[in-house]
Protein backbone atom coordinates (compact mmCIF):
# COMPACT_ATOMS: atom_id res chain seq x y z
CA UNK A 1 99.77 44.05 110.86
CA UNK A 2 103.21 42.35 111.50
CA UNK A 3 104.31 45.10 114.00
CA UNK A 4 101.15 44.82 116.25
CA UNK A 5 101.54 40.92 115.99
CA UNK A 6 105.02 41.24 117.50
CA UNK A 7 104.03 43.92 119.88
CA UNK A 8 101.34 41.56 121.20
CA UNK A 9 103.77 38.81 121.59
CA UNK A 10 102.75 36.50 118.89
CA UNK A 11 105.63 37.09 116.55
CA UNK A 12 107.78 34.75 118.61
CA UNK A 13 106.07 31.77 117.44
CA UNK A 14 107.29 32.59 113.62
CA UNK A 15 110.07 34.36 112.02
CA UNK A 16 113.82 33.68 111.99
CA UNK A 17 114.46 32.01 115.28
CA UNK A 18 117.82 33.54 116.22
CA UNK A 19 116.56 37.17 115.28
CA UNK A 20 113.46 36.27 117.40
CA UNK A 21 115.49 35.34 120.26
CA UNK A 22 117.76 38.40 120.05
CA UNK A 23 114.82 40.86 119.79
CA UNK A 24 113.61 39.45 123.04
CA UNK A 25 116.86 38.77 124.51
CA UNK A 26 118.34 42.34 124.40
CA UNK A 27 115.65 44.33 126.20
CA UNK A 28 115.88 41.66 129.08
CA UNK A 29 119.84 42.14 129.10
CA UNK A 30 119.66 45.72 129.19
CA UNK A 31 116.62 45.41 132.05
CA UNK A 32 118.91 43.17 134.08
CA UNK A 33 121.69 45.28 133.30
CA UNK A 34 120.06 48.27 134.81
CA UNK A 35 118.97 46.04 137.79
CA UNK A 36 122.34 45.00 138.39
CA UNK A 37 123.53 48.40 138.11
CA UNK A 38 121.31 49.99 140.57
CA UNK A 39 122.48 47.16 143.01
CA UNK A 40 126.02 47.79 142.34
CA UNK A 41 125.49 51.61 142.96
CA UNK A 42 125.10 50.93 146.50
CA UNK A 43 128.32 49.03 146.83
CA UNK A 44 130.07 51.57 144.74
CA UNK A 45 129.31 54.70 146.74
CA UNK A 46 129.26 53.18 150.02
CA UNK A 47 132.73 51.47 149.30
CA UNK A 48 134.17 54.70 148.33
CA UNK A 49 132.58 57.16 150.62
CA UNK A 50 132.15 55.26 153.67
CA UNK A 51 134.40 52.24 154.58
CA UNK A 52 135.11 48.75 153.45
CA UNK A 53 133.14 47.63 156.45
CA UNK A 54 129.95 49.36 154.71
CA UNK A 55 130.93 47.70 151.29
CA UNK A 56 131.09 44.12 153.05
CA UNK A 57 127.56 45.02 154.57
CA UNK A 58 125.73 46.02 151.46
CA UNK A 59 127.02 42.77 149.60
CA UNK A 60 128.31 39.49 151.16
CA UNK A 61 126.36 38.04 153.84
CA UNK A 62 123.19 40.50 153.30
CA UNK A 63 123.11 39.85 149.57
CA UNK A 64 123.04 36.07 150.14
CA UNK A 65 120.16 35.99 152.81
CA UNK A 66 118.21 38.22 150.65
CA UNK A 67 118.66 35.91 147.77
CA UNK A 68 117.72 33.12 149.96
CA UNK A 69 114.83 34.41 151.08
CA UNK A 70 113.32 36.44 148.13
CA UNK A 71 114.67 33.92 145.37
CA UNK A 72 112.21 31.22 146.78
CA UNK A 73 109.15 33.17 146.08
CA UNK A 74 110.42 34.89 142.66
CA UNK A 75 111.07 31.10 141.92
CA UNK A 76 107.69 30.02 142.85
CA UNK A 77 105.95 32.88 141.17
CA UNK A 78 107.89 31.93 137.82
CA UNK A 79 105.68 28.87 137.46
CA UNK A 80 103.02 31.67 136.77
CA UNK A 81 105.24 32.97 133.83
CA UNK A 82 105.39 29.46 132.21
CA UNK A 83 101.71 29.02 132.35
CA UNK A 84 100.80 32.42 130.89
CA UNK A 85 103.40 31.88 128.24
CA UNK A 86 101.77 28.54 127.13
CA UNK A 87 98.15 29.96 127.33
CA UNK A 88 99.25 32.95 125.41
CA UNK A 89 100.89 30.83 122.61
CA UNK A 90 97.48 29.08 122.46
CA UNK A 91 95.38 31.99 122.64
CA UNK A 92 93.47 30.93 125.89
CA UNK A 93 92.75 34.79 126.80
CA UNK A 94 90.55 33.83 129.96
CA UNK A 95 93.06 31.77 131.56
CA UNK A 96 95.94 34.27 131.00
CA UNK A 97 93.76 36.72 132.76
CA UNK A 98 93.07 34.26 135.74
CA UNK A 99 96.66 33.56 136.14
CA UNK A 100 97.68 37.25 135.94
CA UNK A 101 95.52 38.18 139.01
CA UNK A 102 96.49 34.95 140.72
CA UNK A 103 100.16 35.82 140.51
CA UNK A 104 99.72 39.20 141.60
CA UNK A 105 97.61 37.88 144.64
CA UNK A 106 100.98 35.67 145.54
CA UNK A 107 103.29 38.52 145.11
CA UNK A 108 101.51 40.66 147.59
CA UNK A 109 101.01 38.00 150.27
CA UNK A 110 104.62 36.94 149.87
CA UNK A 111 105.68 40.52 150.34
CA UNK A 112 104.25 41.00 153.44
CA UNK A 113 105.10 37.54 154.85
CA UNK A 114 108.81 38.21 153.84
CA UNK A 115 108.76 41.52 155.51
CA UNK A 116 107.81 40.09 158.89
CA UNK A 117 110.37 37.16 158.74
CA UNK A 118 113.10 39.36 157.36
CA UNK A 119 112.55 41.71 160.18
CA UNK A 120 112.39 39.15 162.75
CA UNK A 121 115.31 36.88 161.62
CA UNK A 122 117.90 39.20 160.53
CA UNK A 123 120.14 39.25 163.64
CA UNK A 124 120.10 35.55 163.93
CA UNK A 125 120.92 34.76 160.10
CA UNK A 126 123.64 37.16 160.34
CA UNK A 127 125.26 35.66 163.20
CA UNK A 128 124.83 32.33 161.84
CA UNK A 129 127.02 33.27 158.83
CA UNK A 130 129.74 34.51 161.31
CA UNK A 131 129.57 38.08 160.02
CA UNK A 132 132.73 40.08 161.03
CA UNK A 133 131.92 42.18 164.07
CA UNK A 134 132.78 45.19 162.65
CA UNK A 135 130.48 44.43 159.70
CA UNK A 136 127.41 43.11 162.08
CA UNK A 137 125.98 46.55 162.88
CA UNK A 138 125.80 48.27 159.36
CA UNK A 139 124.55 44.85 157.70
CA UNK A 140 121.94 44.29 160.29
CA UNK A 141 120.76 48.08 159.56
CA UNK A 142 120.83 47.51 155.79
CA UNK A 143 118.90 44.19 155.71
CA UNK A 144 116.16 45.29 157.99
CA UNK A 145 115.60 48.28 155.87
CA UNK A 146 115.86 46.31 152.66
CA UNK A 147 113.11 43.91 153.80
CA UNK A 148 110.44 46.84 154.27
CA UNK A 149 110.27 46.86 150.46
CA UNK A 150 109.29 43.06 149.99
CA UNK A 151 105.99 44.15 148.66
CA UNK A 152 106.87 46.46 145.65
CA UNK A 153 109.87 44.29 144.96
CA UNK A 154 107.81 41.17 144.54
CA UNK A 155 105.20 42.94 142.52
CA UNK A 156 107.77 44.40 140.01
CA UNK A 157 109.36 40.91 139.56
CA UNK A 158 106.31 39.04 139.07
CA UNK A 159 104.56 41.99 136.83
CA UNK A 160 107.73 41.83 134.80
CA UNK A 161 107.50 38.06 134.47
CA UNK A 162 103.80 38.49 133.14
CA UNK A 163 104.89 41.07 130.56
CA UNK A 164 107.76 39.03 129.47
CA UNK A 165 105.63 35.90 129.09
CA UNK A 166 103.17 37.46 126.64
CA UNK A 167 106.31 38.66 124.58
CA UNK A 168 106.83 42.41 125.84
CA UNK A 169 110.44 42.39 127.10
CA UNK A 170 110.78 46.37 126.49
CA UNK A 171 108.53 48.04 129.16
CA UNK A 172 110.21 46.34 131.88
CA UNK A 173 113.46 47.53 130.72
CA UNK A 174 112.09 51.05 130.75
CA UNK A 175 110.98 50.75 134.23
CA UNK A 176 114.41 49.49 135.53
CA UNK A 177 115.96 52.36 133.84
CA UNK A 178 113.88 54.71 135.89
CA UNK A 179 114.20 52.80 138.99
CA UNK A 180 118.19 52.78 138.36
CA UNK A 181 118.53 56.28 137.71
CA UNK A 182 116.08 57.05 140.88
CA UNK A 183 118.62 54.73 142.98
CA UNK A 184 121.61 56.32 141.75
CA UNK A 185 120.36 59.84 142.47
CA UNK A 186 118.99 58.88 145.96
CA UNK A 187 122.41 56.85 146.59
CA UNK A 188 124.38 60.02 146.23
CA UNK A 189 121.71 62.33 148.15
CA UNK A 190 121.37 60.02 150.86
CA UNK A 191 124.95 58.40 151.30
CA UNK A 192 127.13 61.34 150.09
CA UNK A 193 124.95 64.53 150.80
CA UNK A 194 123.08 63.56 153.96
CA UNK A 195 125.75 61.08 155.35
CA UNK A 196 123.14 58.44 156.03
CA UNK A 197 125.70 55.44 155.53
CA UNK A 198 124.47 52.03 154.54
CA UNK A 199 120.75 53.39 155.79
CA UNK A 200 120.76 55.62 152.89
CA UNK A 201 121.87 52.90 150.38
CA UNK A 202 118.76 50.62 151.67
CA UNK A 203 116.23 53.29 151.67
CA UNK A 204 117.49 54.46 148.03
CA UNK A 205 116.99 50.71 147.01
CA UNK A 206 113.73 50.25 148.46
CA UNK A 207 112.09 53.60 147.08
CA UNK A 208 113.60 52.92 143.52
CA UNK A 209 111.70 49.51 143.66
CA UNK A 210 108.68 51.10 144.66
CA UNK A 211 108.99 53.47 141.60
CA UNK A 212 109.36 50.40 139.37
CA UNK A 213 106.12 48.70 141.38
CA UNK A 214 104.20 51.35 140.51
CA UNK A 215 104.98 51.58 136.71
CA UNK A 216 104.38 48.02 136.23
CA UNK A 217 101.10 48.28 138.03
CA UNK A 218 100.19 51.05 135.82
CA UNK A 219 101.05 49.43 132.50
CA UNK A 220 99.20 46.15 133.52
CA UNK A 221 96.25 48.14 134.35
CA UNK A 222 96.09 50.05 131.08
CA UNK A 223 96.63 47.01 128.92
CA UNK A 224 94.65 46.13 126.01
CA UNK A 225 95.66 42.60 125.99
CA UNK A 226 94.54 39.43 127.87
CA UNK A 227 97.01 40.26 130.70
CA UNK A 228 95.20 43.22 131.60
CA UNK A 229 94.94 44.02 135.31
CA UNK A 230 92.00 44.86 137.27
CA UNK A 231 92.87 45.40 140.83
CA UNK A 232 89.53 44.36 142.14
CA UNK A 233 89.94 41.17 140.36
CA UNK A 234 93.06 40.07 142.17
CA UNK A 235 92.56 36.93 144.02
CA UNK A 236 93.74 33.43 144.33
CA UNK A 237 92.34 30.87 141.82
CA UNK A 238 92.69 27.56 143.30
CA UNK A 239 93.12 25.55 139.96
CA UNK A 240 95.73 27.94 138.56
CA UNK A 241 97.42 28.51 141.90
CA UNK A 242 97.90 24.61 141.82
CA UNK A 243 99.50 24.75 138.47
CA UNK A 244 101.66 27.61 139.65
CA UNK A 245 103.11 25.74 142.72
CA UNK A 246 103.62 22.59 140.72
CA UNK A 247 105.83 24.39 138.30
CA UNK A 248 107.17 27.18 140.41
CA UNK A 249 107.59 25.28 143.63
CA UNK A 250 110.94 23.04 142.13
CA UNK A 251 112.09 26.29 140.87
CA UNK A 252 111.82 28.04 144.34
CA UNK A 253 113.41 25.36 146.34
CA UNK A 254 116.30 25.36 143.67
CA UNK A 255 116.89 28.92 144.42
CA UNK A 256 116.77 28.07 148.05
CA UNK A 257 119.42 25.24 147.70
CA UNK A 258 121.59 27.88 145.63
CA UNK A 259 121.62 30.22 148.17
CA UNK A 260 122.30 27.91 151.05
CA UNK A 261 125.32 26.66 149.16
CA UNK A 262 126.15 30.44 148.56
CA UNK A 263 125.61 31.16 152.14
CA UNK A 264 127.91 28.62 153.39
CA UNK A 265 130.65 29.80 150.94
CA UNK A 266 129.85 33.45 152.44
CA UNK A 267 130.58 31.87 155.90
CA UNK A 268 133.75 30.39 154.98
CA UNK A 269 134.87 33.84 153.11
CA UNK A 270 134.08 35.70 156.16
CA UNK A 271 136.36 33.33 158.06
CA UNK A 272 139.02 34.91 155.77
CA UNK A 273 138.85 38.46 157.39
CA UNK A 274 137.32 41.68 156.36
CA UNK A 275 139.44 42.47 153.40
CA UNK A 276 138.33 39.18 151.85
CA UNK A 277 135.00 39.88 152.83
CA UNK A 278 134.71 43.13 151.29
CA UNK A 279 136.49 41.66 147.95
CA UNK A 280 133.93 38.86 147.89
CA UNK A 281 131.13 41.63 147.97
CA UNK A 282 132.64 43.57 145.06
CA UNK A 283 133.12 40.20 143.20
CA UNK A 284 129.51 39.69 143.63
CA UNK A 285 128.74 42.98 141.83
CA UNK A 286 131.10 42.11 138.72
CA UNK A 287 130.06 38.41 138.75
CA UNK A 288 126.63 39.54 138.57
CA UNK A 289 127.02 41.33 135.13
CA UNK A 290 127.73 37.84 133.63
CA UNK A 291 124.88 36.14 135.41
CA UNK A 292 122.55 38.82 133.80
CA UNK A 293 123.53 38.03 130.59
CA UNK A 294 123.03 34.43 131.11
CA UNK A 295 119.88 35.11 132.84
CA UNK A 296 118.64 37.05 130.03
CA UNK A 297 119.15 34.09 127.62
CA UNK A 298 117.59 31.82 129.98
CA UNK A 299 114.47 34.00 130.48
CA UNK A 300 114.40 34.39 126.47
CA UNK A 301 114.42 30.65 126.01
CA UNK A 302 111.83 30.11 128.51
CA UNK A 303 109.63 32.27 126.99
CA UNK A 304 110.48 30.96 123.48
CA UNK A 305 109.98 27.62 124.29
CA UNK A 306 106.65 28.22 126.39
CA UNK A 307 105.01 30.12 123.47
CA UNK A 308 105.92 27.49 120.76
CA UNK A 309 105.15 24.54 122.88
CA UNK A 310 101.42 26.09 123.28
CA UNK A 311 101.39 26.69 119.53
CA UNK A 312 102.51 23.13 119.26
CA UNK A 313 105.68 24.13 116.93
CA UNK A 314 108.06 21.48 118.40
CA UNK A 315 110.74 21.61 115.59
CA UNK A 316 110.84 25.11 116.28
CA UNK A 317 111.34 24.52 119.99
CA UNK A 318 114.73 22.32 119.29
CA UNK A 319 115.93 24.79 116.99
CA UNK A 320 115.54 27.75 119.13
CA UNK A 321 117.44 25.78 122.07
CA UNK A 322 120.41 24.95 119.83
CA UNK A 323 120.62 28.56 118.56
CA UNK A 324 120.32 29.98 121.94
CA UNK A 325 123.32 27.68 123.39
CA UNK A 326 125.62 28.98 120.55
CA UNK A 327 124.85 32.43 121.58
CA UNK A 328 125.21 31.97 125.44
CA UNK A 329 128.52 30.29 124.72
CA UNK A 330 129.91 32.82 122.82
CA UNK A 331 128.82 35.42 125.51
CA UNK A 332 130.28 33.53 128.33
CA UNK A 333 133.68 33.06 126.75
CA UNK A 334 133.74 36.99 125.70
CA UNK A 335 132.78 37.96 129.67
CA UNK A 336 135.29 35.77 131.02
CA UNK A 337 138.07 37.20 128.69
CA UNK A 338 136.78 40.94 129.45
CA UNK A 339 137.25 40.11 133.46
CA UNK A 340 140.62 38.50 132.99
CA UNK A 341 141.93 41.41 131.16
CA UNK A 342 140.31 44.33 133.34
CA UNK A 343 139.76 42.73 136.47
CA UNK A 344 142.16 44.99 138.58
CA UNK A 345 140.55 48.20 137.25
CA UNK A 346 137.06 46.93 137.68
CA UNK A 347 137.82 46.06 141.41
CA UNK A 348 139.24 49.46 141.90
CA UNK A 349 135.90 51.02 140.88
CA UNK A 350 134.48 49.44 144.50
CA UNK A 351 137.75 50.31 146.85
CA UNK A 352 141.16 51.97 147.14
CA UNK A 353 142.59 49.33 149.18
CA UNK A 354 145.15 47.27 147.58
CA UNK A 355 144.76 44.24 149.70
CA UNK A 356 140.89 44.33 148.82
CA UNK A 357 141.95 44.33 145.34
CA UNK A 358 144.41 41.79 145.36
CA UNK A 359 141.84 39.46 147.19
CA UNK A 360 139.23 40.16 144.50
CA UNK A 361 141.74 39.25 141.82
CA UNK A 362 142.57 35.84 143.49
CA UNK A 363 138.91 35.06 143.56
CA UNK A 364 138.43 36.18 139.93
CA UNK A 365 141.17 34.09 138.53
CA UNK A 366 139.92 30.89 140.06
CA UNK A 367 136.23 31.38 138.79
CA UNK A 368 136.05 33.77 135.62
CA UNK A 369 137.71 31.31 133.19
CA UNK A 370 135.01 28.61 133.97
CA UNK A 371 132.08 30.68 133.21
CA UNK A 372 131.35 28.55 129.93
CA UNK A 373 130.98 25.31 132.07
CA UNK A 374 127.51 26.59 133.36
CA UNK A 375 125.84 27.46 130.14
CA UNK A 376 124.17 24.28 129.26
CA UNK A 377 122.72 24.51 132.79
CA UNK A 378 120.83 27.63 132.28
CA UNK A 379 119.92 27.19 128.69
CA UNK A 380 118.72 23.72 128.84
CA UNK A 381 116.88 24.10 132.49
CA UNK A 382 115.00 27.11 130.76
CA UNK A 383 114.08 25.46 127.88
CA UNK A 384 112.77 22.22 129.87
CA UNK A 385 110.82 24.69 132.23
CA UNK A 386 109.33 26.52 129.18
CA UNK A 387 107.96 23.20 128.14
CA UNK A 388 106.71 22.44 131.42
CA UNK A 389 109.21 20.18 132.97
CA UNK A 390 109.99 21.67 136.21
CA UNK A 391 111.02 18.81 138.55
CA UNK A 392 113.59 17.07 136.90
CA UNK A 393 115.75 20.25 136.20
CA UNK A 394 115.60 21.20 139.72
CA UNK A 395 116.60 17.85 140.78
CA UNK A 396 119.38 18.00 138.66
CA UNK A 397 120.62 21.32 139.96
CA UNK A 398 119.88 20.30 143.41
CA UNK A 399 122.32 17.36 143.15
CA UNK A 400 124.86 18.84 140.77
CA UNK A 401 125.14 22.42 141.97
CA UNK A 402 123.89 22.46 145.47
CA UNK A 403 124.68 19.23 147.25
CA UNK A 404 127.80 18.44 145.59
CA UNK A 405 128.93 21.99 146.43
CA UNK A 406 127.79 21.47 149.95
CA UNK A 407 129.74 17.94 150.07
CA UNK A 408 132.72 19.80 148.56
CA UNK A 409 132.54 22.58 151.28
CA UNK A 410 132.20 20.02 154.07
CA UNK A 411 134.70 17.37 153.06
CA UNK A 412 137.37 18.57 150.84
CA UNK A 413 137.49 22.36 151.90
CA UNK A 414 138.79 21.61 155.47
CA UNK A 415 141.60 19.62 154.14
CA UNK A 416 143.15 22.78 152.65
CA UNK A 417 141.23 25.83 153.84
CA UNK A 418 142.29 28.57 151.11
CA UNK A 419 140.42 30.85 149.06
CA UNK A 420 141.34 28.88 146.09
CA UNK A 421 139.98 25.59 147.37
CA UNK A 422 136.78 27.18 148.75
CA UNK A 423 135.88 28.74 145.45
CA UNK A 424 136.97 26.12 143.15
CA UNK A 425 133.45 24.45 144.30
CA UNK A 426 132.05 26.85 141.68
CA UNK A 427 133.54 25.51 138.14
CA UNK A 428 133.85 21.89 139.43
CA UNK A 429 130.11 21.59 140.21
CA UNK A 430 128.97 23.80 136.89
CA UNK A 431 130.74 21.08 134.90
CA UNK A 432 129.07 18.21 136.49
CA UNK A 433 125.63 19.89 136.20
CA UNK A 434 126.11 20.62 132.69
CA UNK A 435 127.08 17.22 132.01
CA UNK A 436 123.71 15.87 133.65
CA UNK A 437 121.50 18.39 131.54
CA UNK A 438 123.06 17.41 128.32
CA UNK A 439 122.48 13.45 128.88
CA UNK A 440 118.88 14.56 130.11
CA UNK A 441 117.90 16.85 127.44
CA UNK A 442 119.34 14.37 124.66
CA UNK A 443 118.11 11.09 126.15
CA UNK A 444 115.33 11.92 129.02
CA UNK A 445 112.19 11.45 126.75
CA UNK A 446 110.98 14.92 128.17
CA UNK A 447 109.49 16.15 124.74
CA UNK A 448 106.81 13.50 124.73
CA UNK A 449 105.88 13.69 128.05
CA UNK A 450 105.49 17.48 128.10
CA UNK A 451 103.18 16.95 124.67
CA UNK A 452 101.00 14.34 126.67
CA UNK A 453 100.65 16.66 129.38
CA UNK A 454 99.70 19.59 127.15
CA UNK A 455 97.22 17.47 125.08
CA UNK A 456 95.26 16.35 128.28
CA UNK A 457 94.74 19.63 129.58
């Protein structure tokens, strides 16, 4: 019986807290690892077998543009994850089902919209970012093909969020393993075997995303729980759509602001030349492994808080947040140490050019030691959103990370236009935002407000 309860997601509202968090965390971590690995495979293969221009094309500007446009809709749809986890914790199966079908309808509609927008605006956006001339053509090729895969990409992300909301973090992991292996095989086949360059890397990515989308749809359609998917019932339910938007819109806007600030940094980075642009692309892949760890903790604490809040176990919510913070701090410190010790060897995976590796190490030494300063932002914002408090975390992040970063770029970087001054915007804004979150979490009265909202629904 206990195994069945845990498989269905109900074990997360009982048992030893740190164990429950880790049971949920590790499948998410491995899943995001494979997500990052199959993104990294493109960069590794084109960097080694095509050129540094190709390396800059599949990361850098294209990566930031994709995150800018896609991140908004994934953030918006994450409102459904919070609502499903609360309904699931409260055993409201009918509402879980209605939210599932509304979320999938959003994924399909948003995917079609993004495909059209991405194809139309890609040249203008790459030009706006001051993409180096020798990188423009491969970057445009990559991003146009990538946007053809928006529908399966969003279906996978939304479907995996649904499964995680009900406590199933293992099957999204299995889907990503399959997709990752598919992507690597296709990368080698298309890029190395067929000499398709960045186009081959892009086709490999969207085909592997399609595989993962098909798998998540099959699992939801065959589920025997409240999240069972019936393709004939996919539609928008107005009351739930409004709730999803109310919770998810601030998260989507936050993602957009993050991406805008990163896009501006990318524009400054591009101004330092192709070597630095290629190094920044490789750093983004290495840096991504840290964010996958922190993101896994963030997803874990959001689902943990959501289900326990729905079950009205408020003391357990607070204990879970404390224990998740401690584990995340330890992980951040360990990751910083690893990068500082082995950074040069890791950059060597992506390129054989010494100038690119040197530029990458300069970036690493000015960012990696400060990873711990971001931990409170990720964990506390995840906890607040799990309780249904989405607007304030977004406002704090918009001010502390996004607006302050833009101010730094516009006012202070022009005084000393160096790589060090540019990338210092990251640790500076992480520290300020963490302090804001700690203050709000301790003194903001969010718990009582969220409890009152829950009671009135």
